[in-house]
Amino acid sequence: MFLTIGKDFFEKYKLKSVLTNEYPLTREQALETIVSTISDGVFVGTTGFLSRELSELREKLNHKPNMDFLTVGSMGYASSIALGVALN
């Protein structure tokens, strides 16, 4: 089943406000706080940016480089992979 809509069917919409980051930490700062606190933990990275940052952070903190599972491109499976890692 499909629906065909003609050009200019919907009226123009202007955003009413721009979202701002209300959190005091950036993603990188939060990741560094977690990884430096749990140095011997195994992390499952979900996206390209997070996985690269995690890898760089492990190197910066002189942690073992093989402690993480980087699932670049399959973030929908990260929780299932993390469960499998946790069970083993």
C-alpha atoms as a PDB file:
ATOM      1  CA  MET A   1       0.000   0.000   0.000  1.00  0.00           C
ATOM      2  CA  PHE A   2       1.258   3.483  -0.738  1.00  0.00           C
ATOM      3  CA  LEU A   3       0.042   7.053  -0.810  1.00  0.00           C
ATOM      4  CA  THR A   4       0.891   9.625  -3.477  1.00  0.00           C
ATOM      5  CA  ILE A   5       0.980  13.261  -2.434  1.00  0.00           C
ATOM      6  CA  GLY A   6       1.274  16.119  -4.889  1.00  0.00           C
ATOM      7  CA  LYS A   7       3.919  18.828  -4.759  1.00  0.00           C
ATOM      8  CA  ASP A   8       3.284  21.634  -2.216  1.00  0.00           C
ATOM      9  CA  PHE A   9       0.581  19.608  -0.491  1.00  0.00           C
ATOM     10  CA  PHE A  10       2.066  20.416   2.904  1.00  0.00           C
ATOM     11  CA  GLU A  11       2.478  24.009   3.976  1.00  0.00           C
ATOM     12  CA  LYS A  12       5.899  25.381   4.916  1.00  0.00           C
ATOM     13  CA  TYR A  13       6.892  24.955   8.544  1.00  0.00           C
ATOM     14  CA  LYS A  14       9.314  27.150  10.426  1.00  0.00           C
ATOM     15  CA  LEU A  15      10.928  25.812  13.600  1.00  0.00           C
ATOM     16  CA  LYS A  16       9.767  27.738  16.639  1.00  0.00           C
ATOM     17  CA  SER A  17      12.944  27.290  18.661  1.00  0.00           C
ATOM     18  CA  VAL A  18      16.374  25.793  18.406  1.00  0.00           C
ATOM     19  CA  LEU A  19      17.273  23.112  20.908  1.00  0.00           C
ATOM     20  CA  THR A  20      20.272  23.804  23.072  1.00  0.00           C
ATOM     21  CA  ASN A  21      22.462  21.466  25.053  1.00  0.00           C
ATOM     22  CA  GLU A  22      21.469  21.898  28.695  1.00  0.00           C
ATOM     23  CA  TYR A  23      23.886  19.254  29.973  1.00  0.00           C
ATOM     24  CA  PRO A  24      27.109  20.335  31.669  1.00  0.00           C
ATOM     25  CA  LEU A  25      29.173  17.548  30.024  1.00  0.00           C
ATOM     26  CA  THR A  26      29.886  16.850  26.391  1.00  0.00           C
ATOM     27  CA  ARG A  27      29.604  13.286  25.112  1.00  0.00           C
ATOM     28  CA  GLU A  28      33.410  13.014  25.120  1.00  0.00           C
ATOM     29  CA  GLN A  29      33.674  14.239  28.722  1.00  0.00           C
ATOM     30  CA  ALA A  30      30.973  11.827  29.884  1.00  0.00           C
ATOM     31  CA  LEU A  31      32.691   8.937  28.101  1.00  0.00           C
ATOM     32  CA  GLU A  32      36.058   9.821  29.648  1.00  0.00           C
ATOM     33  CA  THR A  33      34.486   9.993  33.119  1.00  0.00           C
ATOM     34  CA  ILE A  34      32.922   6.547  32.718  1.00  0.00           C
ATOM     35  CA  VAL A  35      35.941   4.840  31.138  1.00  0.00           C
ATOM     36  CA  SER A  36      38.449   6.289  33.601  1.00  0.00           C
ATOM     37  CA  THR A  37      36.235   5.194  36.517  1.00  0.00           C
ATOM     38  CA  ILE A  38      35.713   1.653  35.192  1.00  0.00           C
ATOM     39  CA  SER A  39      39.164   0.983  33.739  1.00  0.00           C
ATOM     40  CA  ASP A  40      38.822  -2.813  33.578  1.00  0.00           C
ATOM     41  CA  GLY A  41      35.316  -2.864  32.128  1.00  0.00           C
ATOM     42  CA  VAL A  42      34.328  -4.085  28.686  1.00  0.00           C
ATOM     43  CA  PHE A  43      32.415  -1.529  26.635  1.00  0.00           C
ATOM     44  CA  VAL A  44      30.278  -2.062  23.556  1.00  0.00           C
ATOM     45  CA  GLY A  45      30.545   0.991  21.306  1.00  0.00           C
ATOM     46  CA  THR A  46      27.536   1.757  19.163  1.00  0.00           C
ATOM     47  CA  THR A  47      28.339   4.364  16.529  1.00  0.00           C
ATOM     48  CA  GLY A  48      31.386   5.432  14.565  1.00  0.00           C
ATOM     49  CA  PHE A  49      32.027   8.569  16.608  1.00  0.00           C
ATOM     50  CA  LEU A  50      31.630   6.858  19.969  1.00  0.00           C
ATOM     51  CA  SER A  51      33.741   3.879  18.936  1.00  0.00           C
ATOM     52  CA  ARG A  52      36.568   6.086  17.659  1.00  0.00           C
ATOM     53  CA  GLU A  53      36.449   8.211  20.807  1.00  0.00           C
ATOM     54  CA  LEU A  54      36.467   5.097  22.984  1.00  0.00           C
ATOM     55  CA  SER A  55      39.458   3.679  21.126  1.00  0.00           C
ATOM     56  CA  GLU A  56      41.372   6.975  21.370  1.00  0.00           C
ATOM     57  CA  LEU A  57      40.480   7.309  25.046  1.00  0.00           C
ATOM     58  CA  ARG A  58      41.704   3.783  25.845  1.00  0.00           C
ATOM     59  CA  GLU A  59      45.027   4.669  24.218  1.00  0.00           C
ATOM     60  CA  LYS A  60      45.241   8.002  26.077  1.00  0.00           C
ATOM     61  CA  LEU A  61      44.572   6.305  29.447  1.00  0.00           C
ATOM     62  CA  ASN A  62      46.985   3.411  28.680  1.00  0.00           C
ATOM     63  CA  HIS A  63      44.220   0.810  29.034  1.00  0.00           C
ATOM     64  CA  LYS A  64      44.301  -2.559  27.299  1.00  0.00           C
ATOM     65  CA  PRO A  65      43.257  -1.958  23.672  1.00  0.00           C
ATOM     66  CA  ASN A  66      41.294  -5.223  23.304  1.00  0.00           C
ATOM     67  CA  MET A  67      38.709  -4.640  26.042  1.00  0.00           C
ATOM     68  CA  ASP A  68      35.954  -3.260  23.818  1.00  0.00           C
ATOM     69  CA  PHE A  69      33.593  -4.458  21.109  1.00  0.00           C
ATOM     70  CA  LEU A  70      33.055  -1.703  18.560  1.00  0.00           C
ATOM     71  CA  THR A  71      29.858  -2.298  16.593  1.00  0.00           C
ATOM     72  CA  VAL A  72      30.188   0.465  14.025  1.00  0.00           C
ATOM     73  CA  GLY A  73      27.128   0.570  11.804  1.00  0.00           C
ATOM     74  CA  SER A  74      24.953  -1.733  13.894  1.00  0.00           C
ATOM     75  CA  MET A  75      23.893   0.311  16.879  1.00  0.00           C
ATOM     76  CA  GLY A  76      20.544  -1.442  17.046  1.00  0.00           C
ATOM     77  CA  TYR A  77      22.351  -4.613  18.070  1.00  0.00           C
ATOM     78  CA  ALA A  78      24.612  -3.092  20.729  1.00  0.00           C
ATOM     79  CA  SER A  79      22.368  -4.017  23.654  1.00  0.00           C
ATOM     80  CA  SER A  80      22.093  -7.631  22.453  1.00  0.00           C
ATOM     81  CA  ILE A  81      25.850  -7.847  21.963  1.00  0.00           C
ATOM     82  CA  ALA A  82      26.449  -6.294  25.401  1.00  0.00           C
ATOM     83  CA  LEU A  83      24.100  -8.858  26.967  1.00  0.00           C
ATOM     84  CA  GLY A  84      26.034 -11.679  25.304  1.00  0.00           C
ATOM     85  CA  VAL A  85      29.327 -10.232  26.573  1.00  0.00           C
ATOM     86  CA  ALA A  86      27.906  -9.850  30.090  1.00  0.00           C
ATOM     87  CA  LEU A  87      26.587 -13.429  30.169  1.00  0.00           C
ATOM     88  CA  ASN A  88      29.983 -14.817  29.189  1.00  0.00           C
END
